[in-house]
Amino acid sequence: MARALKEIEQAVERTMDNARGPVDNVFDLVQIAFGLNPWQGTDLVDNMQRIAKKIVHANFEFMRRMTTAKDLIEVMRAQNEYVQSQLGLFSEELKVVTRASKTARDLEKRAFFPQGR
């Protein structure tokens, strides 16, 4: 039984390792696509790409921990840490979008209501 579980664990780990390569390739393609975007190189796009990578890598780490958990306590700990990390990333993403939105509103106000008029 222990041998079968070890073989399953190794198979899952190999599958996850095989999946990481294509996911990294997708990020490369996304960066190329964003290169065609006039917003490329802005803090907004750079921060959103950084956060997206963190989310994907957190998902892989969560899957790894779930497949290697030895007992219910490890499963619960992994789930708790995963949820906390996702909430932290959501908060970080919300701050980035809020800052970008405020900047856009400020620019719009300056365009329509220049100072001195």
N, C-alpha and C. Protein backbone atom coordinates (compact mmCIF):
# COMPACT_ATOMS: atom_id res chain seq x y z
N MET A 1 0.82 -1.20 0.00
CA MET A 1 0.00 0.00 0.00
C MET A 1 0.86 1.26 0.00
N ALA A 2 1.89 1.27 0.86
CA ALA A 2 2.78 2.43 0.94
C ALA A 2 3.51 2.63 -0.38
N ARG A 3 3.89 1.53 -1.02
CA ARG A 3 4.59 1.62 -2.30
C ARG A 3 3.68 2.21 -3.37
N ALA A 4 2.42 1.79 -3.37
CA ALA A 4 1.46 2.32 -4.35
C ALA A 4 1.24 3.81 -4.14
N LEU A 5 1.13 4.23 -2.88
CA LEU A 5 0.95 5.65 -2.59
C LEU A 5 2.18 6.45 -3.03
N LYS A 6 3.36 5.90 -2.83
CA LYS A 6 4.59 6.59 -3.25
C LYS A 6 4.63 6.71 -4.76
N GLU A 7 4.21 5.68 -5.48
CA GLU A 7 4.18 5.73 -6.94
C GLU A 7 3.17 6.76 -7.43
N ILE A 8 2.03 6.83 -6.78
CA ILE A 8 1.02 7.83 -7.14
C ILE A 8 1.56 9.23 -6.89
N GLU A 9 2.20 9.42 -5.75
CA GLU A 9 2.78 10.72 -5.42
C GLU A 9 3.82 11.13 -6.46
N GLN A 10 4.67 10.19 -6.86
CA GLN A 10 5.70 10.50 -7.87
C GLN A 10 5.06 10.81 -9.22
N ALA A 11 4.00 10.10 -9.58
CA ALA A 11 3.32 10.36 -10.85
C ALA A 11 2.68 11.74 -10.85
N VAL A 12 2.07 12.12 -9.73
CA VAL A 12 1.46 13.45 -9.62
C VAL A 12 2.54 14.52 -9.72
N GLU A 13 3.67 14.30 -9.05
CA GLU A 13 4.76 15.27 -9.09
C GLU A 13 5.30 15.42 -10.51
N ARG A 14 5.45 14.32 -11.24
CA ARG A 14 5.91 14.39 -12.63
C ARG A 14 4.90 15.15 -13.49
N THR A 15 3.62 14.91 -13.28
CA THR A 15 2.57 15.60 -14.04
C THR A 15 2.62 17.09 -13.77
N MET A 16 2.80 17.47 -12.50
CA MET A 16 2.87 18.88 -12.16
C MET A 16 4.12 19.53 -12.77
N ASP A 17 5.24 18.81 -12.74
CA ASP A 17 6.47 19.34 -13.35
C ASP A 17 6.26 19.54 -14.85
N ASN A 18 5.59 18.58 -15.49
CA ASN A 18 5.32 18.69 -16.93
C ASN A 18 4.38 19.84 -17.24
N ALA A 19 3.48 20.16 -16.33
CA ALA A 19 2.52 21.25 -16.56
C ALA A 19 3.17 22.62 -16.38
N ARG A 20 4.20 22.70 -15.56
CA ARG A 20 4.85 24.00 -15.31
C ARG A 20 5.43 24.60 -16.58
N GLY A 21 6.04 23.78 -17.42
CA GLY A 21 6.65 24.28 -18.65
C GLY A 21 5.64 24.98 -19.55
N PRO A 22 4.53 24.32 -19.90
CA PRO A 22 3.53 24.99 -20.73
C PRO A 22 2.96 26.25 -20.10
N VAL A 23 2.78 26.25 -18.79
CA VAL A 23 2.26 27.45 -18.12
C VAL A 23 3.26 28.59 -18.27
N ASP A 24 4.54 28.30 -18.10
CA ASP A 24 5.56 29.35 -18.30
C ASP A 24 5.54 29.84 -19.74
N ASN A 25 5.32 28.94 -20.69
CA ASN A 25 5.22 29.33 -22.10
C ASN A 25 4.03 30.24 -22.34
N VAL A 26 2.93 29.96 -21.66
CA VAL A 26 1.74 30.82 -21.79
C VAL A 26 2.07 32.22 -21.30
N PHE A 27 2.79 32.33 -20.18
CA PHE A 27 3.17 33.65 -19.69
C PHE A 27 4.07 34.37 -20.68
N ASP A 28 4.96 33.64 -21.33
CA ASP A 28 5.81 34.26 -22.36
C ASP A 28 4.95 34.81 -23.49
N LEU A 29 3.96 34.02 -23.92
CA LEU A 29 3.07 34.47 -25.00
C LEU A 29 2.24 35.68 -24.57
N VAL A 30 1.80 35.67 -23.33
CA VAL A 30 1.03 36.81 -22.81
C VAL A 30 1.90 38.07 -22.82
N GLN A 31 3.16 37.94 -22.45
CA GLN A 31 4.05 39.10 -22.45
C GLN A 31 4.25 39.62 -23.87
N ILE A 32 4.35 38.72 -24.84
CA ILE A 32 4.47 39.14 -26.23
C ILE A 32 3.20 39.88 -26.66
N ALA A 33 2.05 39.31 -26.30
CA ALA A 33 0.77 39.94 -26.66
C ALA A 33 0.65 41.31 -26.00
N PHE A 34 1.06 41.40 -24.74
CA PHE A 34 1.02 42.70 -24.06
C PHE A 34 1.98 43.69 -24.70
N GLY A 35 3.03 43.18 -25.35
CA GLY A 35 3.97 44.06 -26.03
C GLY A 35 3.31 44.83 -27.15
N LEU A 36 2.22 44.29 -27.69
CA LEU A 36 1.47 44.97 -28.74
C LEU A 36 0.49 45.97 -28.15
N ASN A 37 0.28 45.90 -26.85
CA ASN A 37 -0.65 46.76 -26.14
C ASN A 37 0.02 48.11 -25.85
N PRO A 38 -0.67 49.21 -26.09
CA PRO A 38 -0.06 50.51 -25.81
C PRO A 38 0.23 50.73 -24.33
N TRP A 39 -0.34 49.92 -23.46
CA TRP A 39 -0.11 50.08 -22.03
C TRP A 39 1.10 49.27 -21.56
N GLN A 40 1.73 48.52 -22.47
CA GLN A 40 2.88 47.70 -22.11
C GLN A 40 3.93 48.55 -21.43
N GLY A 41 4.52 48.00 -20.39
CA GLY A 41 5.57 48.72 -19.68
C GLY A 41 5.05 49.65 -18.60
N THR A 42 3.74 49.76 -18.49
CA THR A 42 3.19 50.60 -17.42
C THR A 42 3.18 49.80 -16.12
N ASP A 43 3.13 50.52 -15.03
CA ASP A 43 3.08 49.85 -13.73
C ASP A 43 1.87 48.93 -13.63
N LEU A 44 0.74 49.35 -14.18
CA LEU A 44 -0.47 48.55 -14.11
C LEU A 44 -0.26 47.18 -14.75
N VAL A 45 0.21 47.15 -15.97
CA VAL A 45 0.41 45.89 -16.68
C VAL A 45 1.49 45.06 -16.00
N ASP A 46 2.59 45.69 -15.63
CA ASP A 46 3.68 44.97 -14.97
C ASP A 46 3.22 44.34 -13.67
N ASN A 47 2.47 45.10 -12.88
CA ASN A 47 1.97 44.58 -11.60
C ASN A 47 0.95 43.47 -11.80
N MET A 48 0.08 43.61 -12.78
CA MET A 48 -0.92 42.58 -13.03
C MET A 48 -0.26 41.28 -13.50
N GLN A 49 0.77 41.38 -14.34
CA GLN A 49 1.50 40.19 -14.77
C GLN A 49 2.20 39.53 -13.59
N ARG A 50 2.81 40.33 -12.74
CA ARG A 50 3.51 39.80 -11.57
C ARG A 50 2.54 39.07 -10.65
N ILE A 51 1.37 39.66 -10.43
CA ILE A 51 0.38 39.04 -9.56
C ILE A 51 -0.17 37.76 -10.19
N ALA A 52 -0.41 37.77 -11.49
CA ALA A 52 -0.91 36.57 -12.18
C ALA A 52 0.08 35.42 -12.04
N LYS A 53 1.37 35.71 -12.16
CA LYS A 53 2.38 34.66 -11.99
C LYS A 53 2.36 34.11 -10.57
N LYS A 54 2.22 35.01 -9.60
CA LYS A 54 2.16 34.56 -8.21
C LYS A 54 0.95 33.64 -7.98
N ILE A 55 -0.18 33.98 -8.59
CA ILE A 55 -1.39 33.17 -8.43
C ILE A 55 -1.18 31.78 -9.01
N VAL A 56 -0.63 31.72 -10.21
CA VAL A 56 -0.41 30.41 -10.84
C VAL A 56 0.57 29.58 -10.02
N HIS A 57 1.66 30.19 -9.58
CA HIS A 57 2.64 29.44 -8.80
C HIS A 57 2.06 29.01 -7.45
N ALA A 58 1.21 29.84 -6.86
CA ALA A 58 0.56 29.45 -5.61
C ALA A 58 -0.35 28.25 -5.83
N ASN A 59 -1.02 28.20 -6.98
CA ASN A 59 -1.88 27.06 -7.30
C ASN A 59 -1.06 25.78 -7.43
N PHE A 60 0.08 25.87 -8.10
CA PHE A 60 0.94 24.69 -8.23
C PHE A 60 1.44 24.23 -6.86
N GLU A 61 1.84 25.18 -6.03
CA GLU A 61 2.32 24.83 -4.70
C GLU A 61 1.20 24.19 -3.88
N PHE A 62 0.00 24.71 -3.99
CA PHE A 62 -1.13 24.14 -3.28
C PHE A 62 -1.39 22.70 -3.75
N MET A 63 -1.38 22.48 -5.06
CA MET A 63 -1.59 21.12 -5.57
C MET A 63 -0.51 20.18 -5.06
N ARG A 64 0.73 20.66 -5.06
CA ARG A 64 1.83 19.83 -4.57
C ARG A 64 1.62 19.45 -3.11
N ARG A 65 1.27 20.44 -2.31
CA ARG A 65 1.07 20.18 -0.88
C ARG A 65 -0.11 19.25 -0.63
N MET A 66 -1.17 19.41 -1.43
CA MET A 66 -2.34 18.54 -1.24
C MET A 66 -2.01 17.09 -1.61
N THR A 67 -1.21 16.90 -2.63
CA THR A 67 -0.89 15.53 -3.05
C THR A 67 0.16 14.88 -2.17
N THR A 68 0.90 15.67 -1.41
CA THR A 68 1.93 15.09 -0.54
C THR A 68 1.55 15.12 0.94
N ALA A 69 0.35 15.61 1.24
CA ALA A 69 -0.09 15.68 2.63
C ALA A 69 -0.18 14.27 3.21
N LYS A 70 0.31 14.14 4.43
CA LYS A 70 0.33 12.82 5.09
C LYS A 70 -0.91 12.57 5.94
N ASP A 71 -1.58 13.66 6.32
CA ASP A 71 -2.76 13.49 7.16
C ASP A 71 -3.69 14.69 7.00
N LEU A 72 -4.81 14.63 7.69
CA LEU A 72 -5.83 15.68 7.59
C LEU A 72 -5.31 17.02 8.09
N ILE A 73 -4.45 16.99 9.10
CA ILE A 73 -3.89 18.24 9.63
C ILE A 73 -3.09 18.96 8.54
N GLU A 74 -2.27 18.24 7.79
CA GLU A 74 -1.49 18.86 6.70
C GLU A 74 -2.40 19.39 5.61
N VAL A 75 -3.48 18.66 5.31
CA VAL A 75 -4.44 19.13 4.30
C VAL A 75 -5.07 20.44 4.75
N MET A 76 -5.51 20.48 6.00
CA MET A 76 -6.16 21.68 6.51
C MET A 76 -5.18 22.85 6.57
N ARG A 77 -3.94 22.59 6.95
CA ARG A 77 -2.92 23.64 7.01
C ARG A 77 -2.65 24.19 5.60
N ALA A 78 -2.54 23.28 4.63
CA ALA A 78 -2.30 23.70 3.24
C ALA A 78 -3.46 24.54 2.72
N GLN A 79 -4.69 24.09 3.01
CA GLN A 79 -5.86 24.85 2.56
C GLN A 79 -5.90 26.24 3.21
N ASN A 80 -5.62 26.31 4.49
CA ASN A 80 -5.63 27.59 5.20
C ASN A 80 -4.59 28.54 4.63
N GLU A 81 -3.37 28.05 4.42
CA GLU A 81 -2.31 28.89 3.89
C GLU A 81 -2.62 29.32 2.46
N TYR A 82 -3.22 28.43 1.68
CA TYR A 82 -3.58 28.76 0.30
C TYR A 82 -4.63 29.88 0.26
N VAL A 83 -5.65 29.74 1.08
CA VAL A 83 -6.71 30.76 1.13
C VAL A 83 -6.13 32.10 1.57
N GLN A 84 -5.26 32.07 2.58
CA GLN A 84 -4.64 33.31 3.04
C GLN A 84 -3.79 33.94 1.93
N SER A 85 -3.05 33.12 1.20
CA SER A 85 -2.22 33.68 0.13
C SER A 85 -3.08 34.26 -0.98
N GLN A 86 -4.19 33.61 -1.30
CA GLN A 86 -5.07 34.11 -2.35
C GLN A 86 -5.74 35.41 -1.92
N LEU A 87 -6.14 35.51 -0.67
CA LEU A 87 -6.72 36.76 -0.16
C LEU A 87 -5.68 37.88 -0.21
N GLY A 88 -4.44 37.56 0.15
CA GLY A 88 -3.37 38.56 0.08
C GLY A 88 -3.13 39.03 -1.34
N LEU A 89 -3.14 38.09 -2.28
CA LEU A 89 -2.94 38.45 -3.69
C LEU A 89 -4.12 39.26 -4.22
N PHE A 90 -5.33 38.90 -3.79
CA PHE A 90 -6.50 39.66 -4.20
C PHE A 90 -6.41 41.09 -3.68
N SER A 91 -5.99 41.24 -2.43
CA SER A 91 -5.84 42.57 -1.84
C SER A 91 -4.78 43.37 -2.61
N GLU A 92 -3.67 42.71 -2.95
CA GLU A 92 -2.61 43.37 -3.71
C GLU A 92 -3.13 43.81 -5.08
N GLU A 93 -3.88 42.94 -5.73
CA GLU A 93 -4.44 43.25 -7.05
C GLU A 93 -5.43 44.41 -6.95
N LEU A 94 -6.25 44.40 -5.92
CA LEU A 94 -7.22 45.47 -5.73
C LEU A 94 -6.52 46.82 -5.53
N LYS A 95 -5.43 46.84 -4.79
CA LYS A 95 -4.67 48.08 -4.59
C LYS A 95 -4.11 48.59 -5.92
N VAL A 96 -3.59 47.67 -6.74
CA VAL A 96 -3.02 48.06 -8.03
C VAL A 96 -4.10 48.67 -8.92
N VAL A 97 -5.24 48.01 -9.00
CA VAL A 97 -6.34 48.50 -9.85
C VAL A 97 -6.89 49.81 -9.30
N THR A 98 -7.00 49.94 -8.00
CA THR A 98 -7.50 51.18 -7.40
C THR A 98 -6.57 52.34 -7.70
N ARG A 99 -5.25 52.11 -7.58
CA ARG A 99 -4.28 53.17 -7.90
C ARG A 99 -4.37 53.57 -9.37
N ALA A 100 -4.50 52.57 -10.25
CA ALA A 100 -4.59 52.87 -11.68
C ALA A 100 -5.87 53.64 -11.98
N SER A 101 -6.96 53.26 -11.34
CA SER A 101 -8.23 53.94 -11.55
C SER A 101 -8.15 55.39 -11.07
N LYS A 102 -7.54 55.60 -9.92
CA LYS A 102 -7.38 56.97 -9.40
C LYS A 102 -6.52 57.80 -10.34
N THR A 103 -5.45 57.21 -10.84
CA THR A 103 -4.58 57.93 -11.77
C THR A 103 -5.34 58.31 -13.04
N ALA A 104 -6.14 57.37 -13.55
CA ALA A 104 -6.93 57.65 -14.76
C ALA A 104 -7.92 58.78 -14.51
N ARG A 105 -8.58 58.77 -13.35
CA ARG A 105 -9.53 59.85 -13.03
C ARG A 105 -8.82 61.20 -12.93
N ASP A 106 -7.65 61.18 -12.30
CA ASP A 106 -6.88 62.43 -12.17
C ASP A 106 -6.47 62.96 -13.54
N LEU A 107 -6.03 62.08 -14.41
CA LEU A 107 -5.64 62.50 -15.76
C LEU A 107 -6.84 63.04 -16.53
N GLU A 108 -7.98 62.39 -16.36
CA GLU A 108 -9.19 62.84 -17.04
C GLU A 108 -9.59 64.23 -16.57
N LYS A 109 -9.51 64.45 -15.27
CA LYS A 109 -9.85 65.78 -14.73
C LYS A 109 -8.92 66.85 -15.27
N ARG A 110 -7.62 66.54 -15.34
CA ARG A 110 -6.66 67.51 -15.86
C ARG A 110 -6.89 67.79 -17.34
N ALA A 111 -7.32 66.77 -18.08
CA ALA A 111 -7.55 66.95 -19.51
C ALA A 111 -8.77 67.84 -19.76
N PHE A 112 -9.81 67.67 -18.96
CA PHE A 112 -11.04 68.43 -19.17
C PHE A 112 -11.08 69.73 -18.38
N PHE A 113 -10.33 69.80 -17.30
CA PHE A 113 -10.32 71.00 -16.48
C PHE A 113 -8.89 71.40 -16.17
N PRO A 114 -8.16 71.91 -17.18
CA PRO A 114 -6.77 72.31 -16.95
C PRO A 114 -6.70 73.37 -15.86
N GLN A 115 -5.60 73.39 -15.16
CA GLN A 115 -5.41 74.37 -14.08
C GLN A 115 -5.39 75.78 -14.68
N GLY A 116 -5.91 76.73 -13.93
CA GLY A 116 -5.91 78.11 -14.37
C GLY A 116 -7.15 78.48 -15.15
N ARG A 117 -8.04 77.58 -15.38
CA ARG A 117 -9.27 77.89 -16.12
C ARG A 117 -10.47 77.73 -15.24
